[in-house]
Amino acid sequence: MAFWKRLREQEGFTLLENMLTITLLSIGFVALLGVSSFVIQTNRSTRQMSTATALAQDRMEAIKSQSYPNILPQTEYYGSITGYENFQREVIVVANSPVADVKTVQVVVRWVDFRQHQVRLDTIVYDTSAST
């Protein structure tokens, strides 16, 4: 009888309560690690999308500043863009499309992380020398 009385009067937590607490905390931490991994991957993907868009815009602006005859197809393969080795940039030019004296220009930037991605910008350039 004295044993039970002493057991009821003791303060603190039992081993079972401690193990249950540790288990619940562990489950919470594992869930947080999963969420943080997703956030890191999403941030990386967003950064790569922004970089690809900037590379495409940069090339498109360079094309717009060129004279009409100098707008030609071009491919910069993986590793050839200084500082952006994981990206490939391609300029696709279709002459007389959609009408005569007009070029349709596409700039496509590709990259691979877990799968292949791409950003594409399109514009139409008119031959101003043809109108005179």
C-alpha atoms as a PDB file:
ATOM      1  CA  MET A   1       0.000   0.000   0.000  1.00  0.00           C
ATOM      2  CA  ALA A   2       2.830   2.381   0.791  1.00  0.00           C
ATOM      3  CA  PHE A   3       4.201   1.793  -2.726  1.00  0.00           C
ATOM      4  CA  TRP A   4       1.004   3.016  -4.399  1.00  0.00           C
ATOM      5  CA  LYS A   5       0.764   6.017  -2.116  1.00  0.00           C
ATOM      6  CA  ARG A   6       4.333   6.966  -2.885  1.00  0.00           C
ATOM      7  CA  LEU A   7       3.730   6.478  -6.641  1.00  0.00           C
ATOM      8  CA  ARG A   8       0.706   8.834  -6.612  1.00  0.00           C
ATOM      9  CA  GLU A   9       2.610  11.508  -4.741  1.00  0.00           C
ATOM     10  CA  GLN A  10       5.580  11.569  -7.106  1.00  0.00           C
ATOM     11  CA  GLU A  11       5.830  14.541  -9.428  1.00  0.00           C
ATOM     12  CA  GLY A  12       7.101  14.503 -12.993  1.00  0.00           C
ATOM     13  CA  PHE A  13       6.390  12.596 -16.179  1.00  0.00           C
ATOM     14  CA  THR A  14       6.359   8.860 -16.803  1.00  0.00           C
ATOM     15  CA  LEU A  15       8.509   7.175 -19.390  1.00  0.00           C
ATOM     16  CA  LEU A  16       5.452   6.566 -21.558  1.00  0.00           C
ATOM     17  CA  GLU A  17       4.489  10.253 -21.523  1.00  0.00           C
ATOM     18  CA  ASN A  18       8.036  11.242 -22.478  1.00  0.00           C
ATOM     19  CA  MET A  19       8.167   8.732 -25.354  1.00  0.00           C
ATOM     20  CA  LEU A  20       4.799   9.910 -26.666  1.00  0.00           C
ATOM     21  CA  THR A  21       5.971  13.529 -26.574  1.00  0.00           C
ATOM     22  CA  ILE A  22       9.199  12.698 -28.410  1.00  0.00           C
ATOM     23  CA  THR A  23       7.256  10.755 -31.051  1.00  0.00           C
ATOM     24  CA  LEU A  24       4.834  13.612 -31.690  1.00  0.00           C
ATOM     25  CA  LEU A  25       7.660  16.159 -31.873  1.00  0.00           C
ATOM     26  CA  SER A  26       9.566  13.925 -34.312  1.00  0.00           C
ATOM     27  CA  ILE A  27       6.545  13.687 -36.594  1.00  0.00           C
ATOM     28  CA  GLY A  28       6.241  17.479 -36.535  1.00  0.00           C
ATOM     29  CA  PHE A  29       9.913  17.980 -37.382  1.00  0.00           C
ATOM     30  CA  VAL A  30       9.742  15.516 -40.274  1.00  0.00           C
ATOM     31  CA  ALA A  31       6.732  17.408 -41.663  1.00  0.00           C
ATOM     32  CA  LEU A  32       8.639  20.702 -41.361  1.00  0.00           C
ATOM     33  CA  LEU A  33      11.620  19.212 -43.209  1.00  0.00           C
ATOM     34  CA  GLY A  34       9.328  18.125 -46.042  1.00  0.00           C
ATOM     35  CA  VAL A  35       7.824  21.595 -46.335  1.00  0.00           C
ATOM     36  CA  SER A  36      11.215  23.315 -46.234  1.00  0.00           C
ATOM     37  CA  SER A  37      12.537  20.981 -48.944  1.00  0.00           C
ATOM     38  CA  PHE A  38       9.575  21.912 -51.151  1.00  0.00           C
ATOM     39  CA  VAL A  39      10.145  25.629 -50.522  1.00  0.00           C
ATOM     40  CA  ILE A  40      13.844  25.357 -51.396  1.00  0.00           C
ATOM     41  CA  GLN A  41      13.065  23.518 -54.637  1.00  0.00           C
ATOM     42  CA  THR A  42      10.388  26.064 -55.582  1.00  0.00           C
ATOM     43  CA  ASN A  43      12.765  28.971 -54.910  1.00  0.00           C
ATOM     44  CA  ARG A  44      15.422  27.365 -57.099  1.00  0.00           C
ATOM     45  CA  SER A  45      12.940  26.772 -59.898  1.00  0.00           C
ATOM     46  CA  THR A  46      11.690  30.364 -59.699  1.00  0.00           C
ATOM     47  CA  ARG A  47      15.249  31.708 -59.790  1.00  0.00           C
ATOM     48  CA  GLN A  48      16.032  29.627 -62.896  1.00  0.00           C
ATOM     49  CA  MET A  49      12.831  30.812 -64.602  1.00  0.00           C
ATOM     50  CA  SER A  50      13.774  34.437 -63.876  1.00  0.00           C
ATOM     51  CA  THR A  51      17.299  33.886 -65.205  1.00  0.00           C
ATOM     52  CA  ALA A  52      15.979  32.247 -68.389  1.00  0.00           C
ATOM     53  CA  THR A  53      13.531  35.101 -68.931  1.00  0.00           C
ATOM     54  CA  ALA A  54      16.303  37.677 -68.481  1.00  0.00           C
ATOM     55  CA  LEU A  55      18.544  35.791 -70.948  1.00  0.00           C
ATOM     56  CA  ALA A  56      15.720  35.687 -73.498  1.00  0.00           C
ATOM     57  CA  GLN A  57      14.911  39.389 -73.039  1.00  0.00           C
ATOM     58  CA  ASP A  58      18.588  40.299 -73.362  1.00  0.00           C
ATOM     59  CA  ARG A  59      18.895  38.469 -76.675  1.00  0.00           C
ATOM     60  CA  MET A  60      15.577  39.856 -77.938  1.00  0.00           C
ATOM     61  CA  GLU A  61      16.691  43.432 -77.214  1.00  0.00           C
ATOM     62  CA  ALA A  62      19.966  42.776 -79.047  1.00  0.00           C
ATOM     63  CA  ILE A  63      18.012  41.449 -82.036  1.00  0.00           C
ATOM     64  CA  LYS A  64      15.707  44.476 -82.111  1.00  0.00           C
ATOM     65  CA  SER A  65      18.719  46.780 -82.265  1.00  0.00           C
ATOM     66  CA  GLN A  66      20.157  44.967 -85.328  1.00  0.00           C
ATOM     67  CA  SER A  67      19.442  45.896 -88.925  1.00  0.00           C
ATOM     68  CA  TYR A  68      16.905  43.684 -90.688  1.00  0.00           C
ATOM     69  CA  PRO A  69      19.400  41.717 -92.856  1.00  0.00           C
ATOM     70  CA  ASN A  70      21.563  40.919 -89.801  1.00  0.00           C
ATOM     71  CA  ILE A  71      18.760  39.164 -87.913  1.00  0.00           C
ATOM     72  CA  LEU A  72      19.787  35.537 -88.348  1.00  0.00           C
ATOM     73  CA  PRO A  73      19.189  32.233 -86.564  1.00  0.00           C
ATOM     74  CA  GLN A  74      21.672  31.439 -83.829  1.00  0.00           C
ATOM     75  CA  THR A  75      22.175  28.771 -81.165  1.00  0.00           C
ATOM     76  CA  GLU A  76      24.224  29.113 -78.006  1.00  0.00           C
ATOM     77  CA  TYR A  77      24.639  25.624 -76.582  1.00  0.00           C
ATOM     78  CA  TYR A  78      24.873  24.577 -72.943  1.00  0.00           C
ATOM     79  CA  GLY A  79      28.133  25.882 -71.510  1.00  0.00           C
ATOM     80  CA  SER A  80      28.618  28.611 -74.126  1.00  0.00           C
ATOM     81  CA  ILE A  81      26.794  31.439 -72.316  1.00  0.00           C
ATOM     82  CA  THR A  82      29.359  32.891 -69.933  1.00  0.00           C
ATOM     83  CA  GLY A  83      28.125  32.686 -66.358  1.00  0.00           C
ATOM     84  CA  TYR A  84      25.067  30.656 -67.371  1.00  0.00           C
ATOM     85  CA  GLU A  85      26.479  27.251 -68.289  1.00  0.00           C
ATOM     86  CA  ASN A  86      23.227  25.427 -67.443  1.00  0.00           C
ATOM     87  CA  PHE A  87      21.244  27.335 -70.066  1.00  0.00           C
ATOM     88  CA  GLN A  88      20.914  27.039 -73.842  1.00  0.00           C
ATOM     89  CA  ARG A  89      19.652  29.920 -75.970  1.00  0.00           C
ATOM     90  CA  GLU A  90      18.312  29.609 -79.503  1.00  0.00           C
ATOM     91  CA  VAL A  91      17.142  32.277 -81.947  1.00  0.00           C
ATOM     92  CA  ILE A  92      14.673  31.046 -84.569  1.00  0.00           C
ATOM     93  CA  VAL A  93      14.033  33.368 -87.531  1.00  0.00           C
ATOM     94  CA  VAL A  94      11.334  32.846 -90.142  1.00  0.00           C
ATOM     95  CA  ALA A  95      11.578  35.300 -93.055  1.00  0.00           C
ATOM     96  CA  ASN A  96       8.517  36.687 -94.853  1.00  0.00           C
ATOM     97  CA  SER A  97       6.255  35.482 -92.097  1.00  0.00           C
ATOM     98  CA  PRO A  98       3.432  36.331 -91.661  1.00  0.00           C
ATOM     99  CA  VAL A  99       3.806  38.677 -94.657  1.00  0.00           C
ATOM    100  CA  ALA A 100       6.563  39.856 -97.017  1.00  0.00           C
ATOM    101  CA  ASP A 101       9.372  42.004 -95.567  1.00  0.00           C
ATOM    102  CA  VAL A 102       8.647  40.755 -92.044  1.00  0.00           C
ATOM    103  CA  LYS A 103      10.588  38.282 -89.918  1.00  0.00           C
ATOM    104  CA  THR A 104       9.089  36.316 -87.078  1.00  0.00           C
ATOM    105  CA  VAL A 105      11.735  35.932 -84.386  1.00  0.00           C
ATOM    106  CA  GLN A 106      11.599  33.528 -81.453  1.00  0.00           C
ATOM    107  CA  VAL A 107      14.122  33.394 -78.647  1.00  0.00           C
ATOM    108  CA  VAL A 108      13.987  30.108 -76.736  1.00  0.00           C
ATOM    109  CA  VAL A 109      15.999  29.553 -73.557  1.00  0.00           C
ATOM    110  CA  ARG A 110      16.189  25.997 -72.208  1.00  0.00           C
ATOM    111  CA  TRP A 111      17.540  24.511 -68.997  1.00  0.00           C
ATOM    112  CA  VAL A 112      17.360  21.185 -67.199  1.00  0.00           C
ATOM    113  CA  ASP A 113      17.012  20.545 -63.505  1.00  0.00           C
ATOM    114  CA  PHE A 114      14.852  17.473 -62.874  1.00  0.00           C
ATOM    115  CA  ARG A 115      13.191  17.863 -66.248  1.00  0.00           C
ATOM    116  CA  GLN A 116      13.628  20.147 -69.255  1.00  0.00           C
ATOM    117  CA  HIS A 117      12.134  23.643 -69.073  1.00  0.00           C
ATOM    118  CA  GLN A 118      12.005  26.497 -71.537  1.00  0.00           C
ATOM    119  CA  VAL A 119      11.059  30.146 -71.873  1.00  0.00           C
ATOM    120  CA  ARG A 120      10.059  31.498 -75.278  1.00  0.00           C
ATOM    121  CA  LEU A 121       9.705  35.098 -76.426  1.00  0.00           C
ATOM    122  CA  ASP A 122       8.291  36.005 -79.847  1.00  0.00           C
ATOM    123  CA  THR A 123       8.367  39.199 -81.854  1.00  0.00           C
ATOM    124  CA  ILE A 124       7.875  40.394 -85.409  1.00  0.00           C
ATOM    125  CA  VAL A 125      10.454  42.626 -87.090  1.00  0.00           C
ATOM    126  CA  TYR A 126       9.612  44.732 -90.134  1.00  0.00           C
ATOM    127  CA  ASP A 127      12.132  45.621 -92.828  1.00  0.00           C
ATOM    128  CA  THR A 128      12.007  49.418 -92.769  1.00  0.00           C
ATOM    129  CA  SER A 129      14.312  49.679 -95.802  1.00  0.00           C
ATOM    130  CA  ALA A 130      11.750  47.859 -97.982  1.00  0.00           C
ATOM    131  CA  SER A 131       9.159  50.632 -97.637  1.00  0.00           C
ATOM    132  CA  THR A 132      11.361  53.311 -99.232  1.00  0.00           C
END
